[in-house]
Amino acid sequence: MNNDLGLLNRLNKPAGPVDVVLDTDTYNEIDDQYALSYLVKSGDKLHLKAVYAAPFFNEKSTGPEDGMEKSYQEILHILTLLEKEEYKERVYKGSAGYLPDEQTPVESAAARHLTELAMEYTPEKPLYVVAIGAITNVASALLMRPEIKERMVLVWLGGNSLEWPDNKEFNLFQDVAAARVVFGCGVALVQLPCMGVVSSFTTGAGELEMFLRGKNKLCDYLVDYTEKEGALGSKNSCWTRVIWDVTAVAWLLDESFMEDKLIPSPIPQYDHHYSFDPTRHFIRYVYHINRDNLFEDLFRKLAES
């Protein structure tokens, strides 16, 4: 299976403009708002076809469905700040819960839309799916219509690095069954691991005030929200905040933003560790973020009117 040339070709970074959908638990953190804004502001290379609201459950929601609904509303809010009202018709609600097992999809407007949209693409010209939350919507679509795996490339920020002592990362931890589907089905997968890799993509109040404050309504919202969350989440006055979701969008944009390699697809286990089989199909694994290069591009685009 390692010799699937079509899969290997799809795992190469695209050379020109591509069509993209974004799957996001936007209300969960502050970084999703940056990622959505960055994607929209990169319209010369990334053509946004849809945005899917993903479920999440933590102190900001009463359950996965509530998290998805709040994310749906936050997506619309960010599009208003971006003055992209026309994109609102491309926003779809995702699943109300997580996969019950590795064979049963969760019905949602987002999953159904992805099954239909992906069929419009080909193995030679795939649809790019950037996912920055629990992978339930995407896994459900792959279970509903397995043939779409050859017509899409999944770029997922999920799991921790292979060297990290555990795999208790929020996006993967919420729906291990869905993660096992996407790591196991043979879809072209680009993994951006959180702790140990993209956890280096942090910023603080000084940078935000210098590069974003006063540039536009979107920037002021992002700065205010990030500073509020940063202060609440740290006991230190010199806090930094990780906004790692941006890196998943950035993988599609520029070779200078990160380093990656091909590895046999690891197997996420229910005990929150990886296991390994060297005969499995390849995925592309990001192992380093060139933090300064990416922040320069991010801040420049966000500050544009």
C-alpha atoms as a PDB file:
ATOM      1  CA  MET A   1       0.000   0.000   0.000  1.00  0.00           C
ATOM      2  CA  ASN A   2       3.019   2.297   0.452  1.00  0.00           C
ATOM      3  CA  ASN A   3       3.416   2.271  -3.345  1.00  0.00           C
ATOM      4  CA  ASP A   4       0.113   4.007  -4.171  1.00  0.00           C
ATOM      5  CA  LEU A   5       1.422   6.636  -6.598  1.00  0.00           C
ATOM      6  CA  GLY A   6      -1.889   8.477  -6.751  1.00  0.00           C
ATOM      7  CA  LEU A   7      -1.890   8.909  -2.981  1.00  0.00           C
ATOM      8  CA  LEU A   8       1.729  10.057  -2.994  1.00  0.00           C
ATOM      9  CA  ASN A   9       0.979  12.623  -5.690  1.00  0.00           C
ATOM     10  CA  ARG A  10      -1.945  14.021  -3.706  1.00  0.00           C
ATOM     11  CA  LEU A  11       0.326  14.357  -0.670  1.00  0.00           C
ATOM     12  CA  ASN A  12       2.529  16.825  -2.538  1.00  0.00           C
ATOM     13  CA  LYS A  13       1.916  20.488  -1.768  1.00  0.00           C
ATOM     14  CA  PRO A  14      -0.252  22.019  -4.525  1.00  0.00           C
ATOM     15  CA  ALA A  15       1.522  24.361  -6.913  1.00  0.00           C
ATOM     16  CA  GLY A  16      -1.315  26.704  -7.827  1.00  0.00           C
ATOM     17  CA  PRO A  17      -4.681  27.946  -6.583  1.00  0.00           C
ATOM     18  CA  VAL A  18      -6.911  25.258  -5.079  1.00  0.00           C
ATOM     19  CA  ASP A  19     -10.485  24.857  -3.866  1.00  0.00           C
ATOM     20  CA  VAL A  20     -10.796  24.528  -0.090  1.00  0.00           C
ATOM     21  CA  VAL A  21     -13.387  23.806   2.582  1.00  0.00           C
ATOM     22  CA  LEU A  22     -12.777  24.568   6.258  1.00  0.00           C
ATOM     23  CA  ASP A  23     -14.066  22.396   9.118  1.00  0.00           C
ATOM     24  CA  THR A  24     -13.841  24.372  12.362  1.00  0.00           C
ATOM     25  CA  ASP A  25     -14.991  24.450  15.995  1.00  0.00           C
ATOM     26  CA  THR A  26     -14.780  28.224  15.836  1.00  0.00           C
ATOM     27  CA  TYR A  27     -16.231  29.104  19.240  1.00  0.00           C
ATOM     28  CA  ASN A  28     -13.942  26.745  21.147  1.00  0.00           C
ATOM     29  CA  GLU A  29     -10.802  28.910  21.047  1.00  0.00           C
ATOM     30  CA  ILE A  30      -9.469  32.122  19.556  1.00  0.00           C
ATOM     31  CA  ASP A  31      -7.208  30.463  16.959  1.00  0.00           C
ATOM     32  CA  ASP A  32     -10.038  29.265  14.684  1.00  0.00           C
ATOM     33  CA  GLN A  33     -11.030  32.884  14.093  1.00  0.00           C
ATOM     34  CA  TYR A  34      -7.504  33.649  12.924  1.00  0.00           C
ATOM     35  CA  ALA A  35      -7.484  30.584  10.670  1.00  0.00           C
ATOM     36  CA  LEU A  36     -10.802  31.399   8.997  1.00  0.00           C
ATOM     37  CA  SER A  37      -9.763  35.014   8.486  1.00  0.00           C
ATOM     38  CA  TYR A  38      -6.368  33.999   7.110  1.00  0.00           C
ATOM     39  CA  LEU A  39      -7.984  31.605   4.648  1.00  0.00           C
ATOM     40  CA  VAL A  40     -10.420  34.230   3.383  1.00  0.00           C
ATOM     41  CA  LYS A  41      -7.606  36.801   3.128  1.00  0.00           C
ATOM     42  CA  SER A  42      -5.567  34.319   1.040  1.00  0.00           C
ATOM     43  CA  GLY A  43      -8.140  34.227  -1.729  1.00  0.00           C
ATOM     44  CA  ASP A  44      -5.547  34.504  -4.491  1.00  0.00           C
ATOM     45  CA  LYS A  45      -4.426  30.938  -3.712  1.00  0.00           C
ATOM     46  CA  LEU A  46      -7.285  29.435  -1.698  1.00  0.00           C
ATOM     47  CA  HIS A  47     -10.823  29.460  -3.076  1.00  0.00           C
ATOM     48  CA  LEU A  48     -13.199  28.910  -0.151  1.00  0.00           C
ATOM     49  CA  LYS A  49     -16.092  26.652  -1.167  1.00  0.00           C
ATOM     50  CA  ALA A  50     -17.666  25.938   2.232  1.00  0.00           C
ATOM     51  CA  VAL A  51     -17.244  26.256   5.989  1.00  0.00           C
ATOM     52  CA  TYR A  52     -18.429  23.466   8.295  1.00  0.00           C
ATOM     53  CA  ALA A  53     -19.178  23.975  11.979  1.00  0.00           C
ATOM     54  CA  ALA A  54     -17.628  21.184  14.065  1.00  0.00           C
ATOM     55  CA  PRO A  55     -18.819  19.914  17.465  1.00  0.00           C
ATOM     56  CA  PHE A  56     -16.885  20.470  20.674  1.00  0.00           C
ATOM     57  CA  PHE A  57     -17.489  20.040  24.391  1.00  0.00           C
ATOM     58  CA  ASN A  58     -15.653  21.941  27.117  1.00  0.00           C
ATOM     59  CA  GLU A  59     -16.358  24.773  29.536  1.00  0.00           C
ATOM     60  CA  LYS A  60     -17.591  26.935  26.634  1.00  0.00           C
ATOM     61  CA  SER A  61     -20.433  24.597  25.681  1.00  0.00           C
ATOM     62  CA  THR A  62     -23.068  22.425  27.322  1.00  0.00           C
ATOM     63  CA  GLY A  63     -22.318  19.556  24.942  1.00  0.00           C
ATOM     64  CA  PRO A  64     -21.058  18.779  21.409  1.00  0.00           C
ATOM     65  CA  GLU A  65     -24.230  20.024  19.713  1.00  0.00           C
ATOM     66  CA  ASP A  66     -24.173  23.302  21.631  1.00  0.00           C
ATOM     67  CA  GLY A  67     -20.507  23.699  20.715  1.00  0.00           C
ATOM     68  CA  MET A  68     -21.321  23.168  17.051  1.00  0.00           C
ATOM     69  CA  GLU A  69     -24.203  25.664  17.151  1.00  0.00           C
ATOM     70  CA  LYS A  70     -22.043  28.296  18.852  1.00  0.00           C
ATOM     71  CA  SER A  71     -19.303  27.674  16.293  1.00  0.00           C
ATOM     72  CA  TYR A  72     -21.818  28.152  13.479  1.00  0.00           C
ATOM     73  CA  GLN A  73     -22.775  31.562  14.880  1.00  0.00           C
ATOM     74  CA  GLU A  74     -19.139  32.548  15.399  1.00  0.00           C
ATOM     75  CA  ILE A  75     -18.323  31.673  11.784  1.00  0.00           C
ATOM     76  CA  LEU A  76     -21.085  34.048  10.658  1.00  0.00           C
ATOM     77  CA  HIS A  77     -19.754  36.722  13.020  1.00  0.00           C
ATOM     78  CA  ILE A  78     -16.228  36.486  11.600  1.00  0.00           C
ATOM     79  CA  LEU A  79     -17.565  36.679   8.048  1.00  0.00           C
ATOM     80  CA  THR A  80     -19.405  39.868   9.023  1.00  0.00           C
ATOM     81  CA  LEU A  81     -16.183  41.371  10.385  1.00  0.00           C
ATOM     82  CA  LEU A  82     -14.446  40.332   7.158  1.00  0.00           C
ATOM     83  CA  GLU A  83     -17.245  42.033   5.181  1.00  0.00           C
ATOM     84  CA  LYS A  84     -17.831  38.773   3.321  1.00  0.00           C
ATOM     85  CA  GLU A  85     -21.603  38.486   3.666  1.00  0.00           C
ATOM     86  CA  GLU A  86     -21.772  36.509   0.425  1.00  0.00           C
ATOM     87  CA  TYR A  87     -19.863  33.633   2.052  1.00  0.00           C
ATOM     88  CA  LYS A  88     -22.576  33.050   4.664  1.00  0.00           C
ATOM     89  CA  GLU A  89     -24.590  30.869   2.300  1.00  0.00           C
ATOM     90  CA  ARG A  90     -21.596  28.518   2.206  1.00  0.00           C
ATOM     91  CA  VAL A  91     -21.685  27.804   5.962  1.00  0.00           C
ATOM     92  CA  TYR A  92     -23.123  24.444   7.071  1.00  0.00           C
ATOM     93  CA  LYS A  93     -23.983  23.002  10.461  1.00  0.00           C
ATOM     94  CA  GLY A  94     -22.045  19.895  11.421  1.00  0.00           C
ATOM     95  CA  SER A  95     -22.743  16.896  13.611  1.00  0.00           C
ATOM     96  CA  ALA A  96     -24.547  17.105  16.942  1.00  0.00           C
ATOM     97  CA  GLY A  97     -22.340  14.409  18.463  1.00  0.00           C
ATOM     98  CA  TYR A  98     -19.331  12.187  17.913  1.00  0.00           C
ATOM     99  CA  LEU A  99     -19.039   8.901  16.017  1.00  0.00           C
ATOM    100  CA  PRO A 100     -20.596   6.025  18.026  1.00  0.00           C
ATOM    101  CA  ASP A 101     -18.105   3.615  16.426  1.00  0.00           C
ATOM    102  CA  GLU A 102     -15.761   3.380  13.438  1.00  0.00           C
ATOM    103  CA  GLN A 103     -18.449   2.203  11.014  1.00  0.00           C
ATOM    104  CA  THR A 104     -21.363   4.557  11.725  1.00  0.00           C
ATOM    105  CA  PRO A 105     -21.403   8.121  10.340  1.00  0.00           C
ATOM    106  CA  VAL A 106     -23.178  11.005  12.049  1.00  0.00           C
ATOM    107  CA  GLU A 107     -25.705  12.666   9.764  1.00  0.00           C
ATOM    108  CA  SER A 108     -25.301  16.427   9.246  1.00  0.00           C
ATOM    109  CA  ALA A 109     -25.650  19.075   6.578  1.00  0.00           C
ATOM    110  CA  ALA A 110     -21.871  19.514   6.590  1.00  0.00           C
ATOM    111  CA  ALA A 111     -21.091  15.830   6.053  1.00  0.00           C
ATOM    112  CA  ARG A 112     -23.677  15.531   3.283  1.00  0.00           C
ATOM    113  CA  HIS A 113     -22.402  18.641   1.549  1.00  0.00           C
ATOM    114  CA  LEU A 114     -18.832  17.318   1.639  1.00  0.00           C
ATOM    115  CA  THR A 115     -19.874  14.005   0.066  1.00  0.00           C
ATOM    116  CA  GLU A 116     -21.552  15.866  -2.787  1.00  0.00           C
ATOM    117  CA  LEU A 117     -18.900  18.531  -3.266  1.00  0.00           C
ATOM    118  CA  ALA A 118     -15.949  16.129  -3.254  1.00  0.00           C
ATOM    119  CA  MET A 119     -17.496  14.108  -6.080  1.00  0.00           C
ATOM    120  CA  GLU A 120     -17.075  17.159  -8.328  1.00  0.00           C
ATOM    121  CA  TYR A 121     -13.286  16.747  -8.079  1.00  0.00           C
ATOM    122  CA  THR A 122     -10.814  14.177  -9.374  1.00  0.00           C
ATOM    123  CA  PRO A 123      -7.744  12.363  -8.036  1.00  0.00           C
ATOM    124  CA  GLU A 124      -5.640  14.630 -10.245  1.00  0.00           C
ATOM    125  CA  LYS A 125      -7.407  17.810  -9.106  1.00  0.00           C
ATOM    126  CA  PRO A 126      -8.678  17.124  -5.572  1.00  0.00           C
ATOM    127  CA  LEU A 127     -10.657  19.203  -3.110  1.00  0.00           C
ATOM    128  CA  TYR A 128      -8.628  20.325  -0.080  1.00  0.00           C
ATOM    129  CA  VAL A 129     -10.306  19.884   3.297  1.00  0.00           C
ATOM    130  CA  VAL A 130      -8.687  21.913   6.087  1.00  0.00           C
ATOM    131  CA  ALA A 131      -9.894  20.629   9.459  1.00  0.00           C
ATOM    132  CA  ILE A 132      -9.082  22.303  12.774  1.00  0.00           C
ATOM    133  CA  GLY A 133     -11.464  20.628  15.204  1.00  0.00           C
ATOM    134  CA  ALA A 134     -12.793  17.193  16.051  1.00  0.00           C
ATOM    135  CA  ILE A 135     -12.753  15.270  12.775  1.00  0.00           C
ATOM    136  CA  THR A 136     -16.338  13.957  13.077  1.00  0.00           C
ATOM    137  CA  ASN A 137     -17.820  15.733  10.049  1.00  0.00           C
ATOM    138  CA  VAL A 138     -15.051  14.609   7.703  1.00  0.00           C
ATOM    139  CA  ALA A 139     -14.960  11.027   8.986  1.00  0.00           C
ATOM    140  CA  SER A 140     -18.741  10.841   8.609  1.00  0.00           C
ATOM    141  CA  ALA A 141     -18.512  11.965   4.984  1.00  0.00           C
ATOM    142  CA  LEU A 142     -15.834   9.348   4.283  1.00  0.00           C
ATOM    143  CA  LEU A 143     -18.024   6.649   5.827  1.00  0.00           C
ATOM    144  CA  MET A 144     -21.102   7.822   3.911  1.00  0.00           C
ATOM    145  CA  ARG A 145     -19.293   7.817   0.564  1.00  0.00           C
ATOM    146  CA  PRO A 146     -15.894   6.065   0.738  1.00  0.00           C
ATOM    147  CA  GLU A 147     -15.023   6.854  -2.881  1.00  0.00           C
ATOM    148  CA  ILE A 148     -14.450  10.524  -2.044  1.00  0.00           C
ATOM    149  CA  LYS A 149     -11.167   9.599  -0.370  1.00  0.00           C
ATOM    150  CA  GLU A 150      -9.485   9.647  -3.785  1.00  0.00           C
ATOM    151  CA  ARG A 151     -10.962  13.054  -4.645  1.00  0.00           C
ATOM    152  CA  MET A 152      -9.819  15.024  -1.600  1.00  0.00           C
ATOM    153  CA  VAL A 153      -6.799  15.885   0.518  1.00  0.00           C
ATOM    154  CA  LEU A 154      -7.345  16.257   4.254  1.00  0.00           C
ATOM    155  CA  VAL A 155      -5.127  18.721   6.135  1.00  0.00           C
ATOM    156  CA  TRP A 156      -5.852  18.137   9.822  1.00  0.00           C
ATOM    157  CA  LEU A 157      -4.530  19.814  12.926  1.00  0.00           C
ATOM    158  CA  GLY A 158      -5.000  16.969  15.371  1.00  0.00           C
ATOM    159  CA  GLY A 159      -3.133  14.666  17.719  1.00  0.00           C
ATOM    160  CA  ASN A 160       0.231  15.304  19.342  1.00  0.00           C
ATOM    161  CA  SER A 161       3.701  14.669  17.966  1.00  0.00           C
ATOM    162  CA  LEU A 162       4.906  11.082  17.699  1.00  0.00           C
ATOM    163  CA  GLU A 163       7.455  11.788  20.449  1.00  0.00           C
ATOM    164  CA  TRP A 164       4.943  13.288  22.885  1.00  0.00           C
ATOM    165  CA  PRO A 165       4.247  11.020  25.892  1.00  0.00           C
ATOM    166  CA  ASP A 166       0.497  10.840  25.192  1.00  0.00           C
ATOM    167  CA  ASN A 167      -2.065  11.678  22.537  1.00  0.00           C
ATOM    168  CA  LYS A 168      -4.559  13.520  24.747  1.00  0.00           C
ATOM    169  CA  GLU A 169      -4.997  16.364  22.297  1.00  0.00           C
ATOM    170  CA  PHE A 170      -8.407  18.072  22.255  1.00  0.00           C
ATOM    171  CA  ASN A 171      -9.323  17.585  18.586  1.00  0.00           C
ATOM    172  CA  LEU A 172      -8.375  13.905  18.547  1.00  0.00           C
ATOM    173  CA  PHE A 173      -9.333  13.122  22.155  1.00  0.00           C
ATOM    174  CA  GLN A 174     -12.973  14.095  21.581  1.00  0.00           C
ATOM    175  CA  ASP A 175     -13.569  11.559  18.794  1.00  0.00           C
ATOM    176  CA  VAL A 176     -10.934   8.835  18.635  1.00  0.00           C
ATOM    177  CA  ALA A 177     -13.183   6.703  16.422  1.00  0.00           C
ATOM    178  CA  ALA A 178     -13.301   9.467  13.804  1.00  0.00           C
ATOM    179  CA  ALA A 179      -9.526   9.909  14.007  1.00  0.00           C
ATOM    180  CA  ARG A 180      -9.029   6.184  13.416  1.00  0.00           C
ATOM    181  CA  VAL A 181     -11.262   6.429  10.343  1.00  0.00           C
ATOM    182  CA  VAL A 182      -9.233   9.218   8.715  1.00  0.00           C
ATOM    183  CA  PHE A 183      -5.856   7.694   9.633  1.00  0.00           C
ATOM    184  CA  GLY A 184      -6.939   4.266   8.427  1.00  0.00           C
ATOM    185  CA  CYS A 185      -9.078   4.724   5.324  1.00  0.00           C
ATOM    186  CA  GLY A 186      -6.323   5.760   2.925  1.00  0.00           C
ATOM    187  CA  VAL A 187      -7.375   9.353   2.308  1.00  0.00           C
ATOM    188  CA  ALA A 188      -4.450  11.670   1.520  1.00  0.00           C
ATOM    189  CA  LEU A 189      -3.791  13.068   5.001  1.00  0.00           C
ATOM    190  CA  VAL A 190      -1.499  15.875   6.106  1.00  0.00           C
ATOM    191  CA  GLN A 191      -1.146  15.868   9.900  1.00  0.00           C
ATOM    192  CA  LEU A 192      -0.140  18.936  11.875  1.00  0.00           C
ATOM    193  CA  PRO A 193       0.490  17.617  15.413  1.00  0.00           C
ATOM    194  CA  CYS A 194      -0.252  19.964  18.288  1.00  0.00           C
ATOM    195  CA  MET A 195       2.032  19.459  21.302  1.00  0.00           C
ATOM    196  CA  GLY A 196       5.624  19.087  20.196  1.00  0.00           C
ATOM    197  CA  VAL A 197       5.213  20.707  16.762  1.00  0.00           C
ATOM    198  CA  VAL A 198       2.684  23.490  16.125  1.00  0.00           C
ATOM    199  CA  SER A 199       2.646  24.367  19.835  1.00  0.00           C
ATOM    200  CA  SER A 200       5.541  26.679  18.932  1.00  0.00           C
ATOM    201  CA  PHE A 201       3.156  28.972  17.033  1.00  0.00           C
ATOM    202  CA  THR A 202       2.436  31.460  19.814  1.00  0.00           C
ATOM    203  CA  THR A 203       2.016  35.214  20.081  1.00  0.00           C
ATOM    204  CA  GLY A 204       1.542  37.756  22.852  1.00  0.00           C
ATOM    205  CA  ALA A 205       0.024  41.146  23.595  1.00  0.00           C
ATOM    206  CA  GLY A 206       3.057  43.125  22.429  1.00  0.00           C
ATOM    207  CA  GLU A 207       3.001  41.689  18.914  1.00  0.00           C
ATOM    208  CA  LEU A 208      -0.767  41.917  18.644  1.00  0.00           C
ATOM    209  CA  GLU A 209      -0.813  45.558  19.700  1.00  0.00           C
ATOM    210  CA  MET A 210       2.035  46.426  17.337  1.00  0.00           C
ATOM    211  CA  PHE A 211       0.874  44.629  14.204  1.00  0.00           C
ATOM    212  CA  LEU A 212      -2.931  44.378  14.448  1.00  0.00           C
ATOM    213  CA  ARG A 213      -4.393  46.964  16.838  1.00  0.00           C
ATOM    214  CA  GLY A 214      -6.350  49.651  15.001  1.00  0.00           C
ATOM    215  CA  LYS A 215      -5.953  48.161  11.527  1.00  0.00           C
ATOM    216  CA  ASN A 216      -9.616  47.222  11.049  1.00  0.00           C
ATOM    217  CA  LYS A 217     -12.648  45.887  12.957  1.00  0.00           C
ATOM    218  CA  LEU A 218     -11.556  42.293  12.507  1.00  0.00           C
ATOM    219  CA  CYS A 219      -8.089  42.960  13.910  1.00  0.00           C
ATOM    220  CA  ASP A 220      -9.444  44.813  16.935  1.00  0.00           C
ATOM    221  CA  TYR A 221     -11.823  41.926  17.654  1.00  0.00           C
ATOM    222  CA  LEU A 222      -9.010  39.378  17.394  1.00  0.00           C
ATOM    223  CA  VAL A 223      -6.691  41.415  19.623  1.00  0.00           C
ATOM    224  CA  ASP A 224      -9.352  42.042  22.279  1.00  0.00           C
ATOM    225  CA  TYR A 225     -10.457  38.411  22.352  1.00  0.00           C
ATOM    226  CA  THR A 226      -6.905  37.029  22.388  1.00  0.00           C
ATOM    227  CA  GLU A 227      -5.800  39.352  25.178  1.00  0.00           C
ATOM    228  CA  LYS A 228      -8.860  38.425  27.232  1.00  0.00           C
ATOM    229  CA  GLU A 229      -8.276  34.695  26.746  1.00  0.00           C
ATOM    230  CA  GLY A 230      -4.537  35.043  27.305  1.00  0.00           C
ATOM    231  CA  ALA A 231      -4.988  36.824  30.614  1.00  0.00           C
ATOM    232  CA  LEU A 232      -7.592  34.309  31.802  1.00  0.00           C
ATOM    233  CA  GLY A 233      -5.514  31.314  30.798  1.00  0.00           C
ATOM    234  CA  SER A 234      -2.222  32.329  32.414  1.00  0.00           C
ATOM    235  CA  LYS A 235      -1.027  33.361  35.867  1.00  0.00           C
ATOM    236  CA  ASN A 236       1.812  35.309  34.263  1.00  0.00           C
ATOM    237  CA  SER A 237       1.604  38.890  33.067  1.00  0.00           C
ATOM    238  CA  CYS A 238       4.038  37.953  30.276  1.00  0.00           C
ATOM    239  CA  TRP A 239       1.665  35.438  28.665  1.00  0.00           C
ATOM    240  CA  THR A 240       1.657  34.013  25.160  1.00  0.00           C
ATOM    241  CA  ARG A 241      -1.218  32.359  23.355  1.00  0.00           C
ATOM    242  CA  VAL A 242      -0.970  29.518  20.852  1.00  0.00           C
ATOM    243  CA  ILE A 243      -2.955  30.119  17.659  1.00  0.00           C
ATOM    244  CA  TRP A 244      -1.929  26.895  15.995  1.00  0.00           C
ATOM    245  CA  ASP A 245      -5.034  26.430  13.823  1.00  0.00           C
ATOM    246  CA  VAL A 246      -3.507  28.950  11.425  1.00  0.00           C
ATOM    247  CA  THR A 247      -0.796  26.437  10.516  1.00  0.00           C
ATOM    248  CA  ALA A 248      -3.264  24.078   8.822  1.00  0.00           C
ATOM    249  CA  VAL A 249      -4.277  26.815   6.386  1.00  0.00           C
ATOM    250  CA  ALA A 250      -0.644  27.831   5.946  1.00  0.00           C
ATOM    251  CA  TRP A 251       0.441  24.364   4.781  1.00  0.00           C
ATOM    252  CA  LEU A 252      -1.312  25.095   1.488  1.00  0.00           C
ATOM    253  CA  LEU A 253       0.313  28.481   0.974  1.00  0.00           C
ATOM    254  CA  ASP A 254       4.093  28.525   1.141  1.00  0.00           C
ATOM    255  CA  GLU A 255       7.013  26.088   1.382  1.00  0.00           C
ATOM    256  CA  SER A 256       8.855  28.427   3.763  1.00  0.00           C
ATOM    257  CA  PHE A 257       6.272  28.170   6.550  1.00  0.00           C
ATOM    258  CA  MET A 258       6.991  24.621   7.750  1.00  0.00           C
ATOM    259  CA  GLU A 259       8.910  21.371   7.289  1.00  0.00           C
ATOM    260  CA  ASP A 260       7.272  17.992   6.677  1.00  0.00           C
ATOM    261  CA  LYS A 261       7.977  14.416   5.623  1.00  0.00           C
ATOM    262  CA  LEU A 262       6.240  11.207   4.565  1.00  0.00           C
ATOM    263  CA  ILE A 263       5.666   8.562   7.252  1.00  0.00           C
ATOM    264  CA  PRO A 264       3.541   5.387   7.458  1.00  0.00           C
ATOM    265  CA  SER A 265       0.166   6.357   8.886  1.00  0.00           C
ATOM    266  CA  PRO A 266       0.238   6.005  12.688  1.00  0.00           C
ATOM    267  CA  ILE A 267      -2.709   4.388  14.469  1.00  0.00           C
ATOM    268  CA  PRO A 268      -4.461   6.447  17.179  1.00  0.00           C
ATOM    269  CA  GLN A 269      -5.439   4.094  19.995  1.00  0.00           C
ATOM    270  CA  TYR A 270      -8.244   4.411  22.517  1.00  0.00           C
ATOM    271  CA  ASP A 271      -5.691   4.527  25.348  1.00  0.00           C
ATOM    272  CA  HIS A 272      -4.514   7.883  23.878  1.00  0.00           C
ATOM    273  CA  HIS A 273      -1.249   6.682  22.385  1.00  0.00           C
ATOM    274  CA  TYR A 274      -0.125   5.837  18.858  1.00  0.00           C
ATOM    275  CA  SER A 275       0.775   2.402  17.596  1.00  0.00           C
ATOM    276  CA  PHE A 276       2.757   1.800  14.422  1.00  0.00           C
ATOM    277  CA  ASP A 277       2.767  -0.493  11.389  1.00  0.00           C
ATOM    278  CA  PRO A 278       5.475   0.252   8.793  1.00  0.00           C
ATOM    279  CA  THR A 279       3.430  -1.370   6.009  1.00  0.00           C
ATOM    280  CA  ARG A 280       0.584   1.151   6.241  1.00  0.00           C
ATOM    281  CA  HIS A 281      -0.042   3.825   3.624  1.00  0.00           C
ATOM    282  CA  PHE A 282       1.862   7.109   3.839  1.00  0.00           C
ATOM    283  CA  ILE A 283       0.665  10.384   5.285  1.00  0.00           C
ATOM    284  CA  ARG A 284       2.492  13.710   5.274  1.00  0.00           C
ATOM    285  CA  TYR A 285       3.652  14.669   8.766  1.00  0.00           C
ATOM    286  CA  VAL A 286       4.602  18.241   9.698  1.00  0.00           C
ATOM    287  CA  TYR A 287       7.490  18.302  12.181  1.00  0.00           C
ATOM    288  CA  HIS A 288       8.570  21.964  12.344  1.00  0.00           C
ATOM    289  CA  ILE A 289       6.961  25.405  12.003  1.00  0.00           C
ATOM    290  CA  ASN A 290       8.997  28.366  10.775  1.00  0.00           C
ATOM    291  CA  ARG A 291       7.202  30.623  13.184  1.00  0.00           C
ATOM    292  CA  ASP A 292       8.470  34.066  12.152  1.00  0.00           C
ATOM    293  CA  ASN A 293       7.894  33.538   8.418  1.00  0.00           C
ATOM    294  CA  LEU A 294       4.303  32.512   8.988  1.00  0.00           C
ATOM    295  CA  PHE A 295       3.465  35.262  11.476  1.00  0.00           C
ATOM    296  CA  GLU A 296       4.775  37.902   9.091  1.00  0.00           C
ATOM    297  CA  ASP A 297       2.401  36.707   6.377  1.00  0.00           C
ATOM    298  CA  LEU A 298      -0.512  36.279   8.801  1.00  0.00           C
ATOM    299  CA  PHE A 299      -0.240  39.737  10.342  1.00  0.00           C
ATOM    300  CA  ARG A 300       0.224  41.406   6.961  1.00  0.00           C
ATOM    301  CA  LYS A 301      -2.907  39.828   5.502  1.00  0.00           C
ATOM    302  CA  LEU A 302      -5.097  40.379   8.550  1.00  0.00           C
ATOM    303  CA  ALA A 303      -4.134  44.065   8.653  1.00  0.00           C
ATOM    304  CA  GLU A 304      -5.160  44.658   5.045  1.00  0.00           C
ATOM    305  CA  SER A 305      -8.373  46.635   4.611  1.00  0.00           C
END
